[in-house]
Amino acid sequence: MSNKWVKALLVVLLTWLALMSCQSIVRSGQVNLLPRLLGVDNWTERNETLSHPSAGLAELVVESQNGGITLIGSDETEDITVEAHYRAQASSEAAANKKLEQMSTDIKQEGNKLVIRAIYSSARTRESINYTVTLPRALSVQAKTSNGGLEATDLGGEVTLNTSNGRIIVSSEKGPRELVARTSNGSITINTVPESGYYNLRTSNGSVKVKLPEELGISLSAKTSNGSINLGSGQWSFDGGRLSKNQVDAERGNGELKLNITTSNGSITLQDD
């Protein structure tokens, strides 16, 4: 028998085995295995809006493990409003809905601190909870997530932002007074108008861009392992400081804002507003 006929018989045999396997799966009721084998998932989602009075509060903590967090400060709100977006994926719609039912948001007041925490299903896989939180702009805020970006707009108090994988964006017409922004994998973009304070910005893999008023005095410490540092315009003093491609210690004006920037792989850019 020629090689041509042998190959043809092998193709027929393999096709027959595949058809028998599919028939066996259908008869046994294991159809839900096919989406996994084919990489096809069912997903479901729902939205929820929650609120809590801000009277007597000094601090807000928002925690999610897989999802982004957006913080919006306002002088016109007296309550803290939480818009939650839940999403779950599974091999079947029924399984995805079951996971979705187990996901929720826990809001608990501890003295003058309010804690908003994402609650996931027992499976804890292929799920995400994203938050948009509106709050009084003067309130101190801490936001933390593992996989997702963080964005803060018009906050004026003390702001701490931490994520493992995601970018961080902070914008404000006045403030924040103090800012700590840290991400392991992602860029950091700051566009604010503070009068003074302390900003600590750190990323392992990503660039850092900071836009500040030209008249603002800055005491700068910037360091990157692989990347460049661009100070933009302005009169900088390096007396007692340091100036190199990868590290700069310098001062502009009276140094009202203490600015500490560190990245391992990325550039650092300062721009005047």
Protein backbone atom coordinates (compact mmCIF):
# COMPACT_ATOMS: atom_id res chain seq x y z
CA MET A 1 0.00 0.00 0.00
CA SER A 2 1.40 3.38 -0.98
CA ASN A 3 2.10 6.18 1.47
CA LYS A 4 -0.69 8.18 -0.17
CA TRP A 5 -3.31 5.58 0.77
CA VAL A 6 -1.91 5.21 4.29
CA LYS A 7 -2.23 8.96 4.89
CA ALA A 8 -5.78 8.96 3.52
CA LEU A 9 -6.81 6.13 5.83
CA LEU A 10 -5.27 7.93 8.82
CA VAL A 11 -7.25 11.09 8.04
CA VAL A 12 -10.49 9.07 7.82
CA LEU A 13 -9.73 7.27 11.08
CA LEU A 14 -8.92 10.47 12.97
CA THR A 15 -12.07 12.16 11.65
CA TRP A 16 -14.20 9.19 12.76
CA LEU A 17 -12.62 9.25 16.24
CA ALA A 18 -13.29 13.00 16.56
CA LEU A 19 -16.94 12.54 15.57
CA MET A 20 -17.38 9.68 18.06
CA SER A 21 -15.82 11.80 20.81
CA CYS A 22 -18.19 14.70 20.13
CA GLN A 23 -21.16 12.34 20.10
CA SER A 24 -20.06 10.87 23.43
CA ILE A 25 -19.75 14.34 24.96
CA VAL A 26 -23.23 15.32 23.80
CA ARG A 27 -24.79 12.09 25.10
CA SER A 28 -23.09 12.44 28.49
CA GLY A 29 -24.37 16.00 28.91
CA GLN A 30 -20.85 17.50 29.04
CA VAL A 31 -21.56 20.06 26.34
CA ASN A 32 -20.21 22.80 28.60
CA LEU A 33 -16.71 21.42 28.00
CA LEU A 34 -16.79 22.52 24.37
CA PRO A 35 -16.65 26.27 25.09
CA ARG A 36 -13.56 25.68 27.23
CA LEU A 37 -11.90 23.60 24.52
CA LEU A 38 -12.74 26.22 21.91
CA GLY A 39 -11.83 29.16 24.16
CA VAL A 40 -15.41 30.49 24.12
CA ASP A 41 -16.87 31.94 27.33
CA ASN A 42 -20.21 33.28 28.46
CA TRP A 43 -20.19 36.49 30.46
CA THR A 44 -22.80 38.39 32.40
CA GLU A 45 -22.78 41.80 34.05
CA ARG A 46 -24.86 44.08 36.23
CA ASN A 47 -24.69 47.59 37.70
CA GLU A 48 -25.45 48.79 41.20
CA THR A 49 -25.55 52.24 42.82
CA LEU A 50 -24.94 52.61 46.57
CA SER A 51 -24.60 55.64 48.84
CA HIS A 52 -23.49 56.55 52.35
CA PRO A 53 -23.55 59.87 54.27
CA SER A 54 -20.19 61.60 54.49
CA ALA A 55 -20.97 63.52 57.70
CA GLY A 56 -18.38 62.82 60.38
CA LEU A 57 -16.00 61.05 57.99
CA ALA A 58 -12.35 61.99 57.58
CA GLU A 59 -11.12 59.12 55.40
CA LEU A 60 -12.40 56.87 52.61
CA VAL A 61 -10.87 53.49 51.64
CA VAL A 62 -11.83 51.75 48.38
CA GLU A 63 -10.54 48.23 47.65
CA SER A 64 -10.98 45.97 44.63
CA GLN A 65 -8.86 43.01 43.60
CA ASN A 66 -9.61 42.87 39.90
CA GLY A 67 -11.00 46.06 38.41
CA GLY A 68 -10.45 49.77 37.99
CA ILE A 69 -11.35 52.52 40.44
CA THR A 70 -12.34 56.07 39.49
CA LEU A 71 -12.56 58.74 42.21
CA ILE A 72 -14.36 62.03 41.57
CA GLY A 73 -14.24 64.87 44.09
CA SER A 74 -17.04 67.39 44.40
CA ASP A 75 -17.84 70.41 46.57
CA GLU A 76 -21.56 69.94 45.93
CA THR A 77 -22.10 66.43 47.30
CA GLU A 78 -22.85 65.53 50.92
CA ASP A 79 -23.04 61.79 50.33
CA ILE A 80 -20.56 59.27 49.02
CA THR A 81 -21.99 57.63 45.91
CA VAL A 82 -20.67 54.30 44.64
CA GLU A 83 -21.41 53.08 41.13
CA ALA A 84 -20.37 49.43 40.90
CA HIS A 85 -20.04 47.43 37.68
CA TYR A 86 -19.88 43.65 38.17
CA ARG A 87 -18.77 41.23 35.46
CA ALA A 88 -18.37 37.45 35.57
CA GLN A 89 -17.26 34.90 32.96
CA ALA A 90 -17.77 31.13 32.87
CA SER A 91 -18.19 28.24 30.43
CA SER A 92 -21.99 28.54 30.63
CA GLU A 93 -24.44 31.38 31.19
CA ALA A 94 -25.83 29.64 34.26
CA ALA A 95 -22.38 29.36 35.83
CA ALA A 96 -21.61 33.00 35.04
CA ASN A 97 -24.91 34.12 36.60
CA LYS A 98 -24.21 32.08 39.72
CA LYS A 99 -20.84 33.79 40.15
CA LEU A 100 -22.44 37.18 39.49
CA GLU A 101 -25.03 36.60 42.25
CA GLN A 102 -22.23 36.02 44.77
CA MET A 103 -20.44 39.27 43.93
CA SER A 104 -21.27 42.36 45.97
CA THR A 105 -19.92 45.49 47.64
CA ASP A 106 -19.40 45.77 51.38
CA ILE A 107 -19.62 49.26 52.89
CA LYS A 108 -18.64 49.58 56.54
CA GLN A 109 -17.94 52.61 58.73
CA GLU A 110 -15.12 52.27 61.25
CA GLY A 111 -15.09 55.39 63.40
CA ASN A 112 -14.43 58.34 61.07
CA LYS A 113 -13.30 56.00 58.25
CA LEU A 114 -15.53 54.45 55.59
CA VAL A 115 -14.34 51.24 53.89
CA ILE A 116 -15.75 50.14 50.53
CA ARG A 117 -14.62 46.61 49.64
CA ALA A 118 -15.30 44.38 46.62
CA ILE A 119 -16.66 40.92 47.46
CA TYR A 120 -16.03 38.20 44.88
CA SER A 121 -17.55 34.73 44.46
CA SER A 122 -16.00 31.62 45.95
CA ALA A 123 -14.49 30.81 42.54
CA ARG A 124 -12.59 34.13 42.42
CA THR A 125 -11.59 33.65 38.76
CA ARG A 126 -12.50 35.63 35.65
CA GLU A 127 -14.43 38.23 37.62
CA SER A 128 -14.08 42.00 37.86
CA ILE A 129 -15.64 44.78 39.90
CA ASN A 130 -15.10 48.36 38.70
CA TYR A 131 -15.99 51.38 40.84
CA THR A 132 -16.79 55.00 40.18
CA VAL A 133 -16.96 56.84 43.50
CA THR A 134 -18.11 60.45 43.96
CA LEU A 135 -17.09 62.04 47.27
CA PRO A 136 -16.45 65.41 48.97
CA ARG A 137 -13.17 66.67 47.50
CA ALA A 138 -11.58 67.50 50.87
CA LEU A 139 -11.89 63.91 52.14
CA SER A 140 -8.70 61.84 52.45
CA VAL A 141 -8.78 58.79 50.16
CA GLN A 142 -7.01 55.45 49.81
CA ALA A 143 -7.70 53.30 46.72
CA LYS A 144 -6.19 49.89 46.06
CA THR A 145 -6.60 47.26 43.35
CA SER A 146 -4.51 44.42 41.96
CA ASN A 147 -5.41 44.43 38.27
CA GLY A 148 -6.88 47.67 37.04
CA GLY A 149 -6.22 51.35 36.56
CA LEU A 150 -6.77 54.13 39.08
CA GLU A 151 -8.05 57.59 38.25
CA ALA A 152 -8.59 60.51 40.62
CA THR A 153 -10.21 63.80 39.59
CA ASP A 154 -10.64 67.01 41.62
CA LEU A 155 -9.49 65.65 44.98
CA GLY A 156 -7.95 68.11 47.41
CA GLY A 157 -6.98 66.13 50.51
CA GLU A 158 -4.50 63.31 51.08
CA VAL A 159 -4.66 60.73 48.28
CA THR A 160 -3.01 57.29 48.23
CA LEU A 161 -3.32 55.13 45.09
CA ASN A 162 -1.92 51.59 44.75
CA THR A 163 -2.27 49.08 41.91
CA SER A 164 -0.19 46.12 40.76
CA ASN A 165 -1.07 46.22 37.08
CA GLY A 166 -2.59 49.40 35.69
CA ARG A 167 -1.99 53.04 34.94
CA ILE A 168 -2.63 55.91 37.35
CA ILE A 169 -4.06 59.29 36.32
CA VAL A 170 -4.54 62.21 38.71
CA SER A 171 -6.11 65.52 37.62
CA SER A 172 -7.21 68.44 39.79
CA GLU A 173 -7.70 72.18 39.53
CA LYS A 174 -6.51 72.54 43.12
CA GLY A 175 -4.66 69.81 44.96
CA PRO A 176 -4.32 67.09 46.12
CA ARG A 177 -2.47 68.35 49.16
CA GLU A 178 -0.52 65.08 49.46
CA LEU A 179 -0.28 62.30 46.90
CA VAL A 180 1.19 58.79 46.92
CA ALA A 181 0.81 56.91 43.61
CA ARG A 182 2.35 53.48 43.09
CA THR A 183 1.99 50.88 40.34
CA SER A 184 4.12 47.89 39.38
CA ASN A 185 3.24 47.85 35.69
CA GLY A 186 1.80 51.03 34.26
CA SER A 187 2.35 54.69 33.57
CA ILE A 188 1.66 57.57 35.96
CA THR A 189 0.21 60.86 34.68
CA ILE A 190 -0.26 63.84 37.00
CA ASN A 191 -2.02 67.06 35.99
CA THR A 192 -2.63 69.12 39.13
CA VAL A 193 -2.40 72.61 40.61
CA PRO A 194 -1.23 72.23 44.22
CA GLU A 195 0.04 75.14 46.30
CA SER A 196 2.44 72.96 48.30
CA GLY A 197 2.65 69.46 49.74
CA TYR A 198 4.34 66.13 49.10
CA TYR A 199 4.02 63.89 46.01
CA ASN A 200 5.59 60.41 45.91
CA LEU A 201 5.26 58.70 42.52
CA ARG A 202 6.64 55.22 41.86
CA THR A 203 6.32 52.67 39.04
CA SER A 204 8.43 49.67 38.10
CA ASN A 205 7.59 49.55 34.40
CA GLY A 206 6.20 52.72 32.91
CA SER A 207 6.78 56.38 32.23
CA VAL A 208 5.92 59.24 34.59
CA LYS A 209 4.56 62.57 33.30
CA VAL A 210 3.89 65.44 35.69
CA LYS A 211 2.23 68.72 34.66
CA LEU A 212 2.48 71.48 37.29
CA PRO A 213 2.07 75.28 37.39
CA GLU A 214 5.13 77.15 36.13
CA GLU A 215 5.19 79.40 39.21
CA LEU A 216 5.11 76.50 41.67
CA GLY A 217 8.32 75.93 43.63
CA ILE A 218 9.51 72.30 43.52
CA SER A 219 12.06 70.29 45.47
CA LEU A 220 12.71 67.39 43.10
CA SER A 221 14.22 63.95 43.50
CA ALA A 222 13.86 61.90 40.28
CA LYS A 223 15.45 58.56 39.39
CA THR A 224 15.09 56.06 36.55
CA SER A 225 17.12 52.93 35.86
CA ASN A 226 16.35 52.74 32.14
CA GLY A 227 15.09 56.00 30.68
CA SER A 228 15.66 59.73 30.49
CA ILE A 229 14.66 62.69 32.67
CA ASN A 230 13.25 65.88 31.13
CA LEU A 231 12.82 68.86 33.49
CA GLY A 232 11.07 71.06 30.95
CA SER A 233 11.37 74.83 31.40
CA GLY A 234 12.00 76.85 34.55
CA GLN A 235 15.04 77.91 36.55
CA TRP A 236 16.45 74.92 38.42
CA SER A 237 19.17 75.02 41.05
CA PHE A 238 21.53 72.08 41.42
CA ASP A 239 23.56 73.46 44.34
CA GLY A 240 24.14 70.49 46.62
CA GLY A 241 22.03 68.35 44.29
CA ARG A 242 22.70 66.03 41.41
CA LEU A 243 22.26 66.11 37.63
CA SER A 244 22.76 63.08 35.38
CA LYS A 245 20.88 61.23 32.66
CA ASN A 246 19.20 58.86 35.12
CA GLN A 247 19.06 60.84 38.37
CA VAL A 248 18.26 64.44 39.25
CA ASP A 249 18.13 66.18 42.63
CA ALA A 250 17.27 69.85 42.13
CA GLU A 251 15.13 72.74 43.33
CA ARG A 252 13.00 75.35 41.62
CA GLY A 253 11.83 78.46 43.44
CA ASN A 254 11.26 77.95 47.16
CA GLY A 255 10.52 74.24 46.81
CA GLU A 256 6.99 74.36 48.23
CA LEU A 257 6.13 70.98 46.65
CA LYS A 258 8.30 68.00 47.57
CA LEU A 259 8.28 65.80 44.46
CA ASN A 260 9.79 62.29 44.58
CA ILE A 261 9.66 60.23 41.36
CA THR A 262 11.06 56.74 40.78
CA THR A 263 10.73 54.35 37.83
CA SER A 264 12.79 51.33 36.82
CA ASN A 265 11.93 51.22 33.12
CA GLY A 266 10.58 54.46 31.69
CA SER A 267 11.17 58.14 31.21
CA ILE A 268 10.33 61.00 33.59
CA THR A 269 8.91 64.20 32.12
CA LEU A 270 7.99 67.46 33.88
CA GLN A 271 5.84 70.00 32.05
CA ASP A 272 4.62 73.45 32.99
CA ASP A 273 0.90 74.02 33.00
